[in-house]
Each structure stands twice: as C-alpha cells, then as structure tokens.
Protein backbone atom coordinates (compact mmCIF):
# COMPACT_ATOMS: atom_id res chain seq x y z
CA MET A 1 2.50 -50.81 -36.16
CA ARG A 2 2.26 -47.41 -37.71
CA THR A 3 -1.28 -47.08 -36.30
CA LEU A 4 -0.12 -48.02 -32.80
CA SER A 5 2.74 -45.56 -33.03
CA LYS A 6 0.39 -42.86 -34.18
CA ASN A 7 -2.08 -43.57 -31.35
CA TYR A 8 0.74 -43.65 -28.84
CA LEU A 9 2.01 -40.31 -30.11
CA ASN A 10 -1.46 -38.75 -29.86
CA LYS A 11 -1.87 -40.01 -26.27
CA LEU A 12 1.54 -38.67 -25.38
CA LEU A 13 0.70 -35.26 -26.78
CA ILE A 14 -2.60 -35.19 -24.89
CA THR A 15 -0.85 -36.16 -21.66
CA VAL A 16 1.77 -33.42 -22.08
CA ALA A 17 -0.97 -30.88 -22.77
CA LEU A 18 -2.89 -31.90 -19.63
CA VAL A 19 0.25 -31.66 -17.49
CA ALA A 20 1.00 -28.22 -18.92
CA CYS A 21 -2.58 -27.03 -18.21
CA LEU A 22 -2.43 -28.33 -14.64
CA SER A 23 0.92 -26.66 -14.13
CA ILE A 24 -0.43 -23.31 -15.42
CA ALA A 25 -3.54 -23.65 -13.25
CA SER A 26 -1.42 -24.50 -10.23
CA THR A 27 0.82 -21.47 -10.82
CA ALA A 28 -2.21 -19.23 -11.26
CA PHE A 29 -3.65 -20.57 -7.98
CA ALA A 30 -0.37 -19.80 -6.21
CA GLN A 31 -0.31 -16.27 -7.61
CA GLU A 32 -3.91 -15.65 -6.53
CA ILE A 33 -3.09 -16.20 -2.85
CA GLN A 34 -2.74 -12.80 -1.20
CA ARG A 35 -1.29 -12.31 2.25
CA THR A 36 -2.13 -8.77 3.23
CA TYR A 37 -2.95 -7.38 6.65
CA THR A 38 -3.22 -3.99 8.29
CA ILE A 39 -2.11 -2.80 11.72
CA ILE A 40 -4.49 -0.14 13.04
CA ASN A 41 -2.00 1.53 15.43
CA PRO A 42 1.45 1.43 13.78
CA ALA A 43 2.83 3.90 16.35
CA ILE A 44 1.95 3.87 20.06
CA VAL A 45 3.10 6.76 22.26
CA HIS A 46 3.07 6.91 26.09
CA THR A 47 4.64 9.25 28.61
CA LEU A 48 4.89 7.62 32.03
CA ASN A 49 6.57 7.95 35.42
CA PRO A 50 8.91 5.31 36.86
CA GLY A 51 6.78 2.55 38.37
CA GLN A 52 3.64 3.60 36.45
CA ARG A 53 1.43 1.17 34.55
CA ALA A 54 -0.54 1.68 31.35
CA GLU A 55 -2.58 -0.39 28.93
CA GLY A 56 -4.32 -0.08 25.60
CA VAL A 57 -5.39 -1.93 22.48
CA THR A 58 -4.41 -2.21 18.86
CA LYS A 59 -6.02 -4.15 16.01
CA VAL A 60 -5.04 -6.43 13.15
CA ILE A 61 -7.19 -6.81 10.02
CA ASN A 62 -6.66 -9.79 7.72
CA GLN A 63 -7.12 -8.46 4.19
CA SER A 64 -5.86 -11.69 2.60
CA ASN A 65 -7.96 -14.22 0.75
CA VAL A 66 -6.70 -17.01 3.06
CA GLU A 67 -6.70 -17.60 6.80
CA LEU A 68 -3.65 -16.33 8.64
CA THR A 69 -2.24 -17.44 11.97
CA PHE A 70 -0.33 -14.74 13.83
CA LYS A 71 2.32 -15.21 16.48
CA LEU A 72 3.13 -12.05 18.43
CA ASN A 73 6.43 -11.13 20.05
CA VAL A 74 7.61 -7.96 21.75
CA GLN A 75 11.10 -7.03 20.60
CA ASP A 76 13.38 -4.01 20.88
CA TYR A 77 14.23 -1.96 17.81
CA ILE A 78 16.90 0.57 16.93
CA VAL A 79 17.49 3.01 14.08
CA THR A 80 20.87 3.05 12.34
CA ASP A 81 20.26 4.92 9.06
CA THR A 82 19.27 8.50 8.21
CA LYS A 83 15.84 7.51 6.89
CA GLY A 84 14.35 6.52 10.25
CA THR A 85 14.03 2.82 9.34
CA PRO A 86 13.29 0.69 12.42
CA ASN A 87 15.65 -2.25 12.75
CA ILE A 88 13.89 -4.84 14.90
CA LEU A 89 16.31 -6.79 17.03
CA PRO A 90 16.11 -10.58 17.36
CA PRO A 91 13.97 -11.99 20.19
CA ASP A 92 15.55 -11.75 23.64
CA THR A 93 18.12 -9.27 22.31
CA LEU A 94 17.76 -6.06 24.32
CA ASN A 95 19.00 -2.59 23.53
CA SER A 96 20.38 -1.86 27.00
CA LYS A 97 20.03 1.92 27.15
CA TYR A 98 16.75 2.37 25.31
CA SER A 99 15.17 -1.05 25.83
CA ALA A 100 11.43 -1.44 26.53
CA ALA A 101 10.65 -4.99 25.36
CA ALA A 102 10.75 -6.44 28.88
CA TRP A 103 8.18 -3.87 30.05
CA ILE A 104 5.44 -4.77 27.54
CA GLY A 105 3.10 -7.75 27.37
CA VAL A 106 0.41 -8.62 24.80
CA SER A 107 -2.72 -10.76 24.75
CA PRO A 108 -3.50 -12.93 22.88
CA SER A 109 -0.03 -13.88 21.71
CA THR A 110 -1.32 -16.33 19.08
CA PHE A 111 -4.53 -16.24 17.03
CA THR A 112 -6.00 -17.17 13.66
CA LEU A 113 -7.92 -14.74 11.45
CA LYS A 114 -10.25 -15.60 8.60
CA PRO A 115 -10.20 -13.37 5.51
CA GLY A 116 -11.67 -9.97 6.35
CA ALA A 117 -11.69 -10.63 10.12
CA THR A 118 -10.32 -8.26 12.79
CA GLN A 119 -8.49 -9.17 15.99
CA VAL A 120 -8.20 -6.84 18.97
CA VAL A 121 -4.83 -7.10 20.70
CA SER A 122 -4.42 -5.78 24.25
CA TYR A 123 -1.06 -4.52 25.48
CA PHE A 124 0.15 -3.85 29.01
CA ILE A 125 3.05 -1.60 30.02
CA GLN A 126 4.78 -1.73 33.39
CA ILE A 127 7.58 0.81 33.91
CA PRO A 128 10.12 -0.40 36.52
CA PRO A 129 10.55 1.90 39.55
CA ASN A 130 14.24 2.35 38.71
CA ALA A 131 13.73 2.99 34.98
CA ALA A 132 16.13 5.56 33.50
CA PRO A 133 14.45 8.78 32.32
CA GLY A 134 14.28 9.33 28.58
CA GLY A 135 13.16 7.38 25.54
CA HIS A 136 12.59 3.62 25.45
CA TYR A 137 11.57 1.70 22.35
CA ALA A 138 10.07 -1.68 21.44
CA ALA A 139 7.66 -3.18 18.93
CA ILE A 140 4.87 -5.73 18.81
CA VAL A 141 6.02 -7.94 15.96
CA TYR A 142 3.30 -9.74 14.00
CA ALA A 143 4.62 -12.88 12.26
CA PRO A 144 1.88 -14.31 10.00
CA THR A 145 1.72 -17.78 8.48
CA THR A 146 -0.87 -19.31 6.17
CA VAL A 147 -3.08 -21.95 7.79
CA ALA A 148 -3.70 -23.82 4.53
CA GLN A 149 -0.21 -23.44 3.19
CA GLU A 150 0.19 -27.23 2.77
CA GLN A 151 -2.60 -27.21 0.19
CA ALA A 152 -1.25 -24.13 -1.55
CA THR A 153 1.24 -24.32 -4.35
CA GLY A 154 4.49 -22.41 -3.92
CA GLY A 155 6.38 -21.23 -0.87
CA THR A 156 5.04 -18.99 1.84
CA VAL A 157 7.04 -15.85 2.58
CA ASN A 158 6.61 -14.66 6.14
CA THR A 159 7.07 -10.96 6.81
CA GLN A 160 7.33 -9.03 10.05
CA VAL A 161 5.36 -5.87 10.73
CA GLY A 162 5.33 -4.15 14.08
CA SER A 163 3.45 -1.61 16.15
CA LEU A 164 6.21 0.70 17.31
CA PHE A 165 6.21 1.90 20.92
CA TYR A 166 7.64 5.32 21.75
CA LEU A 167 7.81 5.38 25.55
CA THR A 168 9.02 8.41 27.48
CA VAL A 169 9.95 7.96 31.12
CA ASN A 170 9.64 11.24 32.97
CA GLY A 171 12.69 12.71 34.69
CA PRO A 172 15.72 14.83 33.89
CA VAL A 173 16.96 14.06 30.39
CA LYS A 174 19.53 15.46 28.00
CA GLU A 175 17.96 17.31 25.10
CA LYS A 176 20.36 18.31 22.36
CA ALA A 177 20.00 18.49 18.58
CA GLU A 178 21.50 20.40 15.69
CA VAL A 179 21.10 20.95 11.98
CA SER A 180 24.05 18.84 10.84
CA LYS A 181 23.41 19.45 7.12
CA PHE A 182 21.62 22.19 5.23
CA GLU A 183 22.83 22.16 1.68
CA THR A 184 22.12 22.32 -2.04
CA ASN A 185 24.14 22.87 -5.20
CA GLY A 186 25.85 26.24 -4.97
CA PHE A 187 25.11 26.83 -8.64
CA SER A 188 22.35 25.40 -10.83
CA GLU A 189 21.48 26.15 -14.42
CA TYR A 190 17.77 25.54 -13.97
CA GLY A 191 15.28 24.89 -11.19
CA PRO A 192 13.62 23.42 -9.30
CA VAL A 193 16.17 23.27 -6.48
CA LYS A 194 16.37 20.44 -3.93
CA ILE A 195 17.53 21.31 -0.42
CA LEU A 196 18.80 18.55 1.87
CA THR A 197 18.35 19.05 5.61
CA GLN A 198 19.77 16.68 8.19
CA VAL A 199 18.86 17.01 11.86
CA LYS A 200 20.99 15.12 14.37
CA ASN A 201 19.56 14.11 17.75
CA MET A 202 22.26 13.88 20.41
CA GLY A 203 19.87 13.63 23.33
CA ASP A 204 18.29 10.81 25.34
CA LEU A 205 14.78 11.16 23.90
CA HIS A 206 13.27 10.98 20.42
CA ILE A 207 12.39 14.36 18.94
CA ASN A 208 9.98 15.57 16.29
CA PRO A 209 11.24 18.97 15.06
CA LYS A 210 8.79 21.60 13.86
CA ALA A 211 10.39 23.87 11.28
CA LYS A 212 9.91 25.96 8.16
CA ILE A 213 12.27 26.46 5.25
CA THR A 214 12.00 29.80 3.44
CA VAL A 215 13.65 30.45 0.06
CA SER A 216 13.72 34.03 -1.22
CA GLY A 217 15.25 35.67 -4.27
CA LEU A 218 14.45 37.83 -7.29
CA PHE A 219 10.64 38.07 -7.41
CA PHE A 220 10.51 34.80 -5.45
CA ASN A 221 9.47 33.82 -1.93
CA GLU A 222 8.36 30.32 -0.94
CA LYS A 223 7.88 28.61 2.43
CA GLN A 224 7.59 24.90 3.19
CA ASP A 225 7.16 22.90 6.40
CA LEU A 226 9.67 20.30 7.39
CA LEU A 227 8.09 16.84 7.20
CA SER A 228 6.94 15.75 10.67
CA GLN A 229 9.06 12.72 11.59
CA ASN A 230 10.49 11.23 14.78
CA ILE A 231 14.26 11.16 15.17
CA TYR A 232 15.61 8.38 17.37
CA PRO A 233 18.22 9.28 20.05
CA GLN A 234 21.84 9.39 18.90
CA THR A 235 20.83 9.27 15.22
CA ALA A 236 20.35 11.73 12.37
CA ARG A 237 17.52 11.98 9.86
CA ASP A 238 17.47 13.38 6.33
CA PHE A 239 14.75 15.59 4.92
CA GLU A 240 14.37 16.82 1.34
CA ASN A 241 12.42 19.84 0.10
CA THR A 242 12.03 21.04 -3.49
CA PHE A 243 11.62 24.73 -4.34
CA GLY A 244 10.92 26.78 -7.45
CA SER A 245 10.24 25.89 -11.06
CA LEU A 246 12.21 25.37 -14.27
CA PHE A 247 13.11 29.00 -14.87
CA MET A 248 14.81 30.67 -11.91
CA LEU A 249 17.29 33.50 -12.06
CA GLY A 250 19.71 35.11 -9.64
CA ARG A 251 20.94 34.67 -6.09
CA TYR A 252 18.72 32.99 -3.52
CA LYS A 253 18.80 32.62 0.24
CA ALA A 254 17.37 29.66 2.16
CA ASP A 255 16.57 29.94 5.88
CA PHE A 256 15.78 27.06 8.22
CA VAL A 257 13.98 28.06 11.42
CA GLY A 258 12.62 25.41 13.78
CA SER A 259 12.37 24.06 17.30
CA TYR A 260 12.38 20.75 19.16
CA GLY A 261 12.21 19.28 22.65
CA LYS A 262 9.55 18.19 25.14
CA GLU A 263 8.35 21.79 25.37
CA ASN A 264 9.19 22.49 21.72
CA ASN A 265 11.22 25.51 22.81
CA LEU A 266 14.78 24.62 21.78
CA PRO A 267 15.91 26.37 18.58
CA LEU A 268 17.19 24.94 15.31
CA VAL A 269 18.49 27.41 12.72
CA ALA A 270 20.56 27.34 9.53
CA SER A 271 20.93 29.30 6.30
CA LEU A 272 22.62 29.08 2.92
CA TYR A 273 22.94 30.93 -0.41
CA PHE A 274 22.85 29.56 -3.94
CA TRP A 275 22.68 30.78 -7.53
CA VAL A 276 20.46 29.76 -10.42
CA PHE A 277 21.42 31.06 -13.85
CA PRO A 278 20.64 29.49 -17.28
CA TRP A 279 24.06 30.29 -18.70
CA ARG A 280 23.64 28.27 -21.91
CA LEU A 281 20.42 30.07 -22.75
CA ALA A 282 22.02 33.40 -21.82
CA LEU A 283 25.01 32.60 -24.05
CA VAL A 284 22.74 31.82 -27.02
CA ILE A 285 20.78 35.03 -26.49
CA THR A 286 23.99 37.07 -26.16
CA LEU A 287 25.45 35.59 -29.33
CA ALA A 288 22.19 36.23 -31.15
CA VAL A 289 22.17 39.87 -30.04
CA ILE A 290 25.81 40.30 -31.08
CA ALA A 291 25.03 38.74 -34.48
CA ILE A 292 22.11 41.11 -34.97
CA ILE A 293 24.23 44.15 -34.06
CA LEU A 294 27.10 43.11 -36.34
CA GLY A 295 24.67 42.35 -39.16
CA THR A 296 23.05 45.76 -38.77
CA ILE A 297 26.45 47.52 -38.84
CA TYR A 298 27.49 45.53 -41.91
CA LEU A 299 24.32 46.36 -43.82
CA LYS A 300 24.58 50.03 -42.90
CA ARG A 301 28.18 50.29 -44.13
CA LYS A 302 27.32 48.42 -47.30
CA LYS A 303 24.52 50.82 -47.96
CA GLU A 304 26.83 53.81 -47.40
CA LYS A 305 29.42 52.43 -49.80
CA GLY A 306 26.77 51.84 -52.45
CA SER A 307 25.52 55.43 -52.32
CA LYS A 308 29.00 57.13 -52.37
CA PRO A 309 29.84 56.68 -56.18
CA GLN A 310 26.52 58.29 -57.13
CA ASP A 311 27.34 61.40 -55.12
CA GLU A 312 30.82 61.68 -56.69
CA SER A 313 29.41 61.41 -60.27
CA ARG A 314 27.04 64.23 -59.50
CA ASP A 315 29.93 66.37 -58.28
CA GLU A 316 31.95 65.68 -61.50
CA ALA A 317 28.95 66.58 -63.67
CA THR A 318 28.43 69.94 -62.01
CA LYS A 319 32.12 70.80 -61.71
CA PRO A 320 32.59 72.53 -65.22
CA TYR A 321 29.47 74.58 -64.62
CA LYS A 322 30.79 75.72 -61.27
CA GLU A 323 34.19 76.69 -62.75
CA GLU A 324 32.59 78.60 -65.68
CA LYS A 325 30.40 80.44 -63.30
CA ALA A 326 33.37 81.32 -61.17
CA SER A 327 35.33 82.74 -64.17
C-alpha cells in the first residue's frame, strides 16, 4: 500500500511537471508571435479643383512572423487635442465640414500578407463638383487580424493604423492663425529653459507654420526652428523648445518670428522676457565674501591690540630719560 501510494505520488508529480512545462512553452509561443507592419505613405497630400480626379498608391509591409489579413476602410478623422493626434471616426460617421471619406476608394479592400511580404494598395480620389474650398481629411484604416490565430495561444489584439489624407480643394478660403501661447517661467534659478509655443489655426485649411525662435541675453544668442507639423483647422498645437545650459545669468529675450498660409506669407510674431539667476549660489558666495571680510577685519584689530602694550612699555622706559634731558 505504501509502495502504491509512493508510485501514485511520483506519477502525480511527473504529471504536474509536464503540465507546467507545456503551460510555459505555450506562453512562450504566444509571446513569440509578433504583429508588426509598416505603412509606406503615412501622409498623403493632394491639392485639387472641384470635380477633379486623382489617384496614387501606398504600400503595406508585413513585418510580423505570422500571416496577417487586412481589411481596409476609408474613414474621416478629426483632431481635438493640442498634440495633433488624429481621432479616426467610426465607419460611416462623417465630419460634415471637413469630410473626405466619401471621395476616396481603395483597391484591394481585403488581402492576406505572408511574413515579410508587401502589398501595393491603390487609391482613387474624386472631388465633387460642388465641394467646398478648403481642407478635407480622411484616412485609409488598416485593420489586421492573424490568419492562424485559432492555433495561437492567447488573444489577438487588433490595432488600427491609417494613411492620413490631407486634401485641399482650391477656391477662396479663410486663412487665419495666431500665436495663442508663447511662455516660460518668468524667473528660473538655473537653465536650461523650456519655452512653450501654441499656434492656433482659425482658418478653413490645415497649416504648417515655418518659424524661428531666438533667445538672446548676456553673452548668449541661440536660434531654433519650430518643429514642422500640420495644424488641423479650428484647433491649436503645442510646440516645446529648450534653450541654454545649466548656468545662465541675467535677463533674456525670446522672439518668435514665423509665417503660414498657402503662400507662406502671413506673419506670426510673439516675444517675451525672462530672468535666470542662481540666487542660492549667489547667496552662498555673498555670505562667504562677507565672512572673509569680517574675519580679515577681526584679525587686523586683534593684531593691533596685541602690539599696543609693547609700544606703551617702551614709552614708559624712555620717559625718565626724556625728563632728565629736559631738565
């Protein structure tokens, strides 16, 4: 009975060990599956007249280690934050003023790619004759799934990546933008200094401002370009530039000079002043200097007091001789 129990226990332990090994191997297999792909043309730009047609191609590369099946949709997108993040709208949901999804078709709309394979996707644009002038925006949305996902262990997470269309319909449009923020800390103890710039687009067309920021001060002059980024209509976008080094001293001026628009001839300007002063370090240095001065004065006075009794004793010793000589 003891032998049977012992054998049973050994078999049970072996079974548990095998199950654990299979579980670890299965988890490792799931972790080894990579679903990675690249869109060759993430941004597609066209300027067209009402009623005009255009076409082109983009590509998808499957960099995964499994086959992927792609289903393509054309959907509108909008931007609602100050970082320029595209927010793709649900299928058949159109952004009325800036919509372009209904104008774009793609072929093929479904395909399967083996690992390392590339698929060419053709797109076709047809601008309606009555299209409103200005910017119109949509995206080709690639929704991948794993072909062999039933054999794979673990869940499949589907992501959406799009080729963004920036379409400009020719005609009279409103172009208006401003520097809505140009700021930094008015006082800093040390550098470097970060300057936040926000450009707000109040027009009917996306803009890509070209600008330089110049910071000048005591023995200091530095220029930087504003990062080249599109700003969606009726939205603002933040930019951040960093100037200087750890040790900066004095009053500085920052100037923003740029332009925007279809002809890049509309001005954007702003300026600000700020101070950088290491007051703690200056306080320590000042106190050290004061301590040195006071110490020097104290030692000097102590030395004078130490030499005064010797002078008086000499005067007392010579005093009788001086009086006798006088008599």
